[in-house]
């Protein structure tokens, strides 16, 4: 009667023994060159020098262009342009997020209740329904 279970025992040992050396199916075994675990949603962020999940912690573009404008009737504003990824504006103590918009000339960005359109250092800003003329200046 004991010999009847011997083939089953060999089969179980064979199957389990074959899986023991395999790493392909193990979660977390897919680390990239930086040690980021792709199956867990981590990618390398060069700007922050660490592994991140983009939906939890955005990775800023490597190149950010910062421009300051002096706007008549408003004062100074700072704009950070993220090439290919929109822009952000700090005006009146509030930060606005903008997306690049189509324009025949210059660089045009729009967001909720805000638009800036720069043409060679002269910009038109529409903020909360009010329009301002702006010139590139310094950030001081």
C-alpha atoms as a PDB file:
ATOM      1  CA  UNK A   1       0.000   0.000   0.000  1.00  0.00           C
ATOM      2  CA  UNK A   2       2.867   2.415   0.756  1.00  0.00           C
ATOM      3  CA  UNK A   3       4.353   1.886  -2.713  1.00  0.00           C
ATOM      4  CA  UNK A   4       1.204   3.289  -4.234  1.00  0.00           C
ATOM      5  CA  UNK A   5       2.013   6.807  -2.917  1.00  0.00           C
ATOM      6  CA  UNK A   6       5.649   6.710  -4.056  1.00  0.00           C
ATOM      7  CA  UNK A   7       4.959   8.071  -7.604  1.00  0.00           C
ATOM      8  CA  UNK A   8       2.851  10.870  -6.126  1.00  0.00           C
ATOM      9  CA  UNK A   9       5.671  11.752  -3.738  1.00  0.00           C
ATOM     10  CA  UNK A  10       8.189  11.909  -6.606  1.00  0.00           C
ATOM     11  CA  UNK A  11       5.827  14.129  -8.610  1.00  0.00           C
ATOM     12  CA  UNK A  12       5.382  16.599  -5.714  1.00  0.00           C
ATOM     13  CA  UNK A  13       9.138  16.749  -5.053  1.00  0.00           C
ATOM     14  CA  UNK A  14       9.824  17.289  -8.778  1.00  0.00           C
ATOM     15  CA  UNK A  15       7.291  20.136  -9.117  1.00  0.00           C
ATOM     16  CA  UNK A  16       8.275  21.939  -5.924  1.00  0.00           C
ATOM     17  CA  UNK A  17      11.960  21.447  -6.602  1.00  0.00           C
ATOM     18  CA  UNK A  18      11.596  23.051 -10.036  1.00  0.00           C
ATOM     19  CA  UNK A  19       9.927  26.150  -8.596  1.00  0.00           C
ATOM     20  CA  UNK A  20      12.440  26.694  -5.827  1.00  0.00           C
ATOM     21  CA  UNK A  21      15.194  27.992  -8.110  1.00  0.00           C
ATOM     22  CA  UNK A  22      12.941  30.209 -10.238  1.00  0.00           C
ATOM     23  CA  UNK A  23      12.881  33.955  -9.571  1.00  0.00           C
ATOM     24  CA  UNK A  24      10.726  34.908 -12.558  1.00  0.00           C
ATOM     25  CA  UNK A  25       7.445  34.759 -10.677  1.00  0.00           C
ATOM     26  CA  UNK A  26       8.540  36.411  -7.436  1.00  0.00           C
ATOM     27  CA  UNK A  27       7.100  39.848  -6.782  1.00  0.00           C
ATOM     28  CA  UNK A  28       9.753  42.504  -6.398  1.00  0.00           C
ATOM     29  CA  UNK A  29      12.358  40.548  -8.334  1.00  0.00           C
ATOM     30  CA  UNK A  30      12.238  42.978 -11.262  1.00  0.00           C
ATOM     31  CA  UNK A  31      14.542  45.707  -9.974  1.00  0.00           C
ATOM     32  CA  UNK A  32      16.065  47.964 -12.610  1.00  0.00           C
ATOM     33  CA  UNK A  33      19.588  49.437 -12.689  1.00  0.00           C
ATOM     34  CA  UNK A  34      18.630  51.941  -9.954  1.00  0.00           C
ATOM     35  CA  UNK A  35      16.934  49.353  -7.751  1.00  0.00           C
ATOM     36  CA  UNK A  36      13.391  50.508  -8.620  1.00  0.00           C
ATOM     37  CA  UNK A  37      10.734  47.788  -8.569  1.00  0.00           C
ATOM     38  CA  UNK A  38       8.736  48.163 -11.793  1.00  0.00           C
ATOM     39  CA  UNK A  39       6.013  45.665 -10.848  1.00  0.00           C
ATOM     40  CA  UNK A  40       5.216  47.837  -7.835  1.00  0.00           C
ATOM     41  CA  UNK A  41       4.970  50.975 -10.026  1.00  0.00           C
ATOM     42  CA  UNK A  42       8.341  52.501  -9.146  1.00  0.00           C
ATOM     43  CA  UNK A  43      10.444  54.351 -11.714  1.00  0.00           C
ATOM     44  CA  UNK A  44      13.670  56.302 -11.361  1.00  0.00           C
ATOM     45  CA  UNK A  45      13.353  60.087 -11.014  1.00  0.00           C
ATOM     46  CA  UNK A  46      16.626  61.713 -12.021  1.00  0.00           C
ATOM     47  CA  UNK A  47      15.645  65.110 -10.604  1.00  0.00           C
ATOM     48  CA  UNK A  48      14.966  63.653  -7.123  1.00  0.00           C
ATOM     49  CA  UNK A  49      17.607  60.907  -7.321  1.00  0.00           C
ATOM     50  CA  UNK A  50      15.232  58.240  -6.040  1.00  0.00           C
ATOM     51  CA  UNK A  51      12.589  55.691  -7.034  1.00  0.00           C
ATOM     52  CA  UNK A  52       9.077  57.147  -7.087  1.00  0.00           C
ATOM     53  CA  UNK A  53       5.529  56.270  -8.059  1.00  0.00           C
ATOM     54  CA  UNK A  54       4.561  59.080 -10.445  1.00  0.00           C
ATOM     55  CA  UNK A  55       0.911  59.113  -9.322  1.00  0.00           C
ATOM     56  CA  UNK A  56       1.977  59.610  -5.685  1.00  0.00           C
ATOM     57  CA  UNK A  57       4.923  61.957  -6.127  1.00  0.00           C
ATOM     58  CA  UNK A  58       5.455  63.683  -9.483  1.00  0.00           C
ATOM     59  CA  UNK A  59       8.926  63.832 -10.953  1.00  0.00           C
ATOM     60  CA  UNK A  60       9.726  67.322 -12.213  1.00  0.00           C
ATOM     61  CA  UNK A  61      11.191  67.602 -15.691  1.00  0.00           C
ATOM     62  CA  UNK A  62      14.953  67.697 -15.802  1.00  0.00           C
ATOM     63  CA  UNK A  63      14.986  71.129 -17.423  1.00  0.00           C
ATOM     64  CA  UNK A  64      12.859  73.879 -15.938  1.00  0.00           C
ATOM     65  CA  UNK A  65      12.960  77.391 -17.336  1.00  0.00           C
ATOM     66  CA  UNK A  66      12.181  80.077 -14.780  1.00  0.00           C
ATOM     67  CA  UNK A  67      11.104  83.514 -15.964  1.00  0.00           C
ATOM     68  CA  UNK A  68      10.003  86.544 -14.027  1.00  0.00           C
ATOM     69  CA  UNK A  69       7.708  89.177 -15.445  1.00  0.00           C
ATOM     70  CA  UNK A  70       6.826  92.678 -14.320  1.00  0.00           C
ATOM     71  CA  UNK A  71       3.124  93.114 -15.043  1.00  0.00           C
ATOM     72  CA  UNK A  72       1.551  96.572 -15.111  1.00  0.00           C
ATOM     73  CA  UNK A  73      -1.129  96.852 -12.454  1.00  0.00           C
ATOM     74  CA  UNK A  74      -0.167  93.521 -10.856  1.00  0.00           C
ATOM     75  CA  UNK A  75       3.529  93.570 -10.039  1.00  0.00           C
ATOM     76  CA  UNK A  76       6.009  90.744 -10.355  1.00  0.00           C
ATOM     77  CA  UNK A  77       5.101  87.171 -11.157  1.00  0.00           C
ATOM     78  CA  UNK A  78       7.263  84.080 -11.535  1.00  0.00           C
ATOM     79  CA  UNK A  79       6.633  81.469 -14.224  1.00  0.00           C
ATOM     80  CA  UNK A  80       8.224  78.029 -14.344  1.00  0.00           C
ATOM     81  CA  UNK A  81       8.066  76.459 -17.793  1.00  0.00           C
ATOM     82  CA  UNK A  82       8.373  72.679 -17.979  1.00  0.00           C
ATOM     83  CA  UNK A  83       9.251  71.937 -21.620  1.00  0.00           C
ATOM     84  CA  UNK A  84       6.642  69.582 -23.027  1.00  0.00           C
ATOM     85  CA  UNK A  85       4.831  69.451 -19.688  1.00  0.00           C
ATOM     86  CA  UNK A  86       3.086  72.771 -19.048  1.00  0.00           C
ATOM     87  CA  UNK A  87       3.942  75.581 -16.676  1.00  0.00           C
ATOM     88  CA  UNK A  88       3.161  77.010 -13.261  1.00  0.00           C
ATOM     89  CA  UNK A  89       2.724  80.624 -12.220  1.00  0.00           C
ATOM     90  CA  UNK A  90       3.006  82.185  -8.808  1.00  0.00           C
ATOM     91  CA  UNK A  91       0.928  85.379  -8.702  1.00  0.00           C
ATOM     92  CA  UNK A  92      -0.760  87.175  -5.820  1.00  0.00           C
ATOM     93  CA  UNK A  93       0.484  84.501  -3.408  1.00  0.00           C
ATOM     94  CA  UNK A  94      -1.261  81.699  -5.305  1.00  0.00           C
ATOM     95  CA  UNK A  95       0.206  78.979  -7.526  1.00  0.00           C
ATOM     96  CA  UNK A  96      -1.542  78.161 -10.801  1.00  0.00           C
ATOM     97  CA  UNK A  97      -0.954  75.109 -13.014  1.00  0.00           C
ATOM     98  CA  UNK A  98      -1.164  75.623 -16.774  1.00  0.00           C
ATOM     99  CA  UNK A  99      -1.088  73.420 -19.854  1.00  0.00           C
ATOM    100  CA  UNK A 100       0.511  74.435 -23.123  1.00  0.00           C
ATOM    101  CA  UNK A 101      -2.046  75.688 -25.648  1.00  0.00           C
ATOM    102  CA  UNK A 102      -1.909  76.010 -29.419  1.00  0.00           C
ATOM    103  CA  UNK A 103      -0.752  79.346 -30.744  1.00  0.00           C
ATOM    104  CA  UNK A 104       0.373  80.630 -34.140  1.00  0.00           C
ATOM    105  CA  UNK A 105       3.299  82.420 -32.498  1.00  0.00           C
ATOM    106  CA  UNK A 106       4.943  82.654 -29.104  1.00  0.00           C
ATOM    107  CA  UNK A 107       4.340  80.375 -26.137  1.00  0.00           C
ATOM    108  CA  UNK A 108       0.784  80.200 -24.829  1.00  0.00           C
ATOM    109  CA  UNK A 109      -0.265  78.441 -21.603  1.00  0.00           C
ATOM    110  CA  UNK A 110      -3.749  78.170 -20.127  1.00  0.00           C
ATOM    111  CA  UNK A 111      -5.219  77.023 -16.849  1.00  0.00           C
ATOM    112  CA  UNK A 112      -8.314  77.569 -14.762  1.00  0.00           C
ATOM    113  CA  UNK A 113      -8.918  81.349 -14.649  1.00  0.00           C
ATOM    114  CA  UNK A 114      -5.440  82.079 -16.039  1.00  0.00           C
ATOM    115  CA  UNK A 115      -3.630  82.430 -19.374  1.00  0.00           C
ATOM    116  CA  UNK A 116      -0.177  83.699 -20.290  1.00  0.00           C
ATOM    117  CA  UNK A 117       1.015  84.257 -23.829  1.00  0.00           C
ATOM    118  CA  UNK A 118       4.667  85.198 -24.221  1.00  0.00           C
ATOM    119  CA  UNK A 119       5.998  86.560 -27.493  1.00  0.00           C
ATOM    120  CA  UNK A 120       9.705  87.361 -27.250  1.00  0.00           C
ATOM    121  CA  UNK A 121       9.736  88.671 -23.694  1.00  0.00           C
ATOM    122  CA  UNK A 122       6.446  90.567 -23.903  1.00  0.00           C
ATOM    123  CA  UNK A 123       3.546  88.698 -22.381  1.00  0.00           C
ATOM    124  CA  UNK A 124      -0.190  89.038 -22.086  1.00  0.00           C
ATOM    125  CA  UNK A 125      -1.551  87.682 -18.800  1.00  0.00           C
ATOM    126  CA  UNK A 126      -5.238  87.093 -18.082  1.00  0.00           C
ATOM    127  CA  UNK A 127      -5.767  86.326 -14.401  1.00  0.00           C
ATOM    128  CA  UNK A 128      -9.193  85.876 -12.804  1.00  0.00           C
ATOM    129  CA  UNK A 129     -10.797  87.819 -15.696  1.00  0.00           C
ATOM    130  CA  UNK A 130      -8.381  90.766 -15.589  1.00  0.00           C
ATOM    131  CA  UNK A 131      -5.836  91.418 -18.329  1.00  0.00           C
ATOM    132  CA  UNK A 132      -2.242  92.582 -17.754  1.00  0.00           C
ATOM    133  CA  UNK A 133       0.672  93.514 -20.000  1.00  0.00           C
ATOM    134  CA  UNK A 134       3.949  92.040 -18.801  1.00  0.00           C
ATOM    135  CA  UNK A 135       7.649  92.368 -19.629  1.00  0.00           C
ATOM    136  CA  UNK A 136      10.382  89.910 -18.738  1.00  0.00           C
ATOM    137  CA  UNK A 137      12.293  91.196 -15.728  1.00  0.00           C
ATOM    138  CA  UNK A 138      14.433  89.815 -12.929  1.00  0.00           C
ATOM    139  CA  UNK A 139      13.248  87.733  -9.991  1.00  0.00           C
ATOM    140  CA  UNK A 140      14.587  90.081  -7.312  1.00  0.00           C
END
